[in-house]
Amino acid sequence: MGAATGAEGASDAFRAELEKAGATGGPSAASGARTDALKALAEEVRSGRIDASQAIDRLVERALGGMAASLPPARRAELEAMLRAALEEDPTLAAMQRDLARGR
């Protein structure tokens, strides 16, 4: 099994779990609130109140809240591991983390 196949399978499993948890997948009024929250988080990093690692932890916590909160504990742990692996392994996300660490 190649990396792409494994990632596609993980993505399908993730999508299925979100659908089970009641995800709609469509835009919502909460989109603006999420954007504002991300801007506030970025400002906290820029101001030095938190570092990039703490920002990543908050993003993972936020991702595990909401719909993912209704997942069974083992599935939540699996989702957290997948999120953290993606943050470490994806070149685009890794570049974003480096930018975040530099305060950009």
Protein backbone atom coordinates (compact mmCIF):
# COMPACT_ATOMS: atom_id res chain seq x y z
CA MET A 1 0.00 0.00 0.00
CA GLY A 2 1.47 3.39 -1.05
CA ALA A 3 1.41 6.56 0.98
CA ALA A 4 -1.31 8.06 -1.20
CA THR A 5 -3.51 5.01 -0.80
CA GLY A 6 -3.06 5.07 2.97
CA ALA A 7 -3.80 8.79 3.11
CA GLU A 8 -6.89 8.35 0.93
CA GLY A 9 -8.11 5.54 3.17
CA ALA A 10 -7.50 7.62 6.28
CA SER A 11 -9.29 10.54 4.66
CA ASP A 12 -12.28 8.35 3.80
CA ALA A 13 -12.37 6.97 7.34
CA PHE A 14 -12.14 10.48 8.78
CA ARG A 15 -14.96 11.72 6.55
CA ALA A 16 -17.12 8.74 7.52
CA GLU A 17 -16.56 9.40 11.23
CA LEU A 18 -17.48 13.06 10.83
CA GLU A 19 -20.64 12.11 8.97
CA LYS A 20 -21.54 9.70 11.77
CA ALA A 21 -20.96 12.52 14.25
CA GLY A 22 -23.42 14.70 12.36
CA ALA A 23 -21.18 16.83 10.14
CA THR A 24 -23.00 18.61 7.34
CA GLY A 25 -19.93 19.50 5.31
CA GLY A 26 -21.56 22.70 4.04
CA PRO A 27 -20.81 26.32 4.85
CA SER A 28 -22.32 27.69 8.00
CA ALA A 29 -22.70 30.90 9.94
CA ALA A 30 -19.89 29.63 12.16
CA SER A 31 -17.38 30.12 9.32
CA GLY A 32 -16.86 33.77 10.22
CA ALA A 33 -16.45 32.91 13.88
CA ARG A 34 -13.82 30.28 12.99
CA THR A 35 -11.97 32.81 10.85
CA ASP A 36 -12.04 35.35 13.66
CA ALA A 37 -10.78 32.73 16.13
CA LEU A 38 -7.89 31.84 13.82
CA LYS A 39 -7.00 35.50 13.39
CA ALA A 40 -7.03 35.93 17.17
CA LEU A 41 -4.80 32.87 17.57
CA ALA A 42 -2.35 34.22 14.99
CA GLU A 43 -2.29 37.55 16.82
CA GLU A 44 -1.47 35.77 20.10
CA VAL A 45 1.52 34.14 18.40
CA ARG A 46 2.66 37.41 16.79
CA SER A 47 2.43 39.21 20.13
CA GLY A 48 4.39 36.49 21.91
CA ARG A 49 1.59 35.54 24.32
CA ILE A 50 1.81 31.94 23.05
CA ASP A 51 4.33 30.09 20.90
CA ALA A 52 3.72 28.10 17.71
CA SER A 53 3.56 24.80 19.59
CA GLN A 54 0.83 26.12 21.87
CA ALA A 55 -1.05 27.44 18.84
CA ILE A 56 -0.90 24.00 17.22
CA ASP A 57 -2.17 22.42 20.45
CA ARG A 58 -5.10 24.85 20.48
CA LEU A 59 -5.91 24.10 16.84
CA VAL A 60 -5.91 20.36 17.53
CA GLU A 61 -8.08 20.87 20.62
CA ARG A 62 -10.49 23.00 18.58
CA ALA A 63 -10.62 20.34 15.87
CA LEU A 64 -11.40 17.69 18.47
CA GLY A 65 -14.22 19.77 19.93
CA GLY A 66 -17.58 20.24 18.31
CA MET A 67 -18.64 17.33 16.15
CA ALA A 68 -15.57 15.24 16.95
CA ALA A 69 -16.41 15.47 20.66
CA SER A 70 -19.18 12.92 20.12
CA LEU A 71 -16.75 10.31 18.81
CA PRO A 72 -15.91 7.37 21.05
CA PRO A 73 -12.69 7.97 23.02
CA ALA A 74 -10.65 5.54 20.91
CA ARG A 75 -11.77 7.28 17.70
CA ARG A 76 -11.00 10.72 19.16
CA ALA A 77 -7.50 9.50 20.07
CA GLU A 78 -7.10 8.13 16.55
CA LEU A 79 -8.28 11.42 15.07
CA GLU A 80 -5.88 13.39 17.27
CA ALA A 81 -3.00 11.15 16.17
CA MET A 82 -3.98 11.64 12.52
CA LEU A 83 -4.16 15.42 12.93
CA ARG A 84 -0.80 15.62 14.63
CA ALA A 85 0.78 13.31 12.03
CA ALA A 86 -0.61 15.50 9.25
CA LEU A 87 0.81 18.59 10.92
CA GLU A 88 4.22 16.93 11.15
CA GLU A 89 4.33 15.23 7.74
CA ASP A 90 2.50 17.47 5.29
CA PRO A 91 4.99 19.85 3.63
CA THR A 92 2.47 22.68 3.29
CA LEU A 93 1.31 22.41 6.89
CA ALA A 94 4.93 22.11 8.07
CA ALA A 95 5.75 25.34 6.19
CA MET A 96 2.77 27.02 7.82
CA GLN A 97 4.00 25.88 11.22
CA ARG A 98 7.45 27.32 10.50
CA ASP A 99 5.85 30.60 9.46
CA LEU A 100 3.78 30.56 12.62
CA ALA A 101 6.90 29.92 14.71
CA ARG A 102 8.58 32.91 13.02
CA GLY A 103 5.56 35.06 13.83
CA ARG A 104 4.33 35.58 10.26
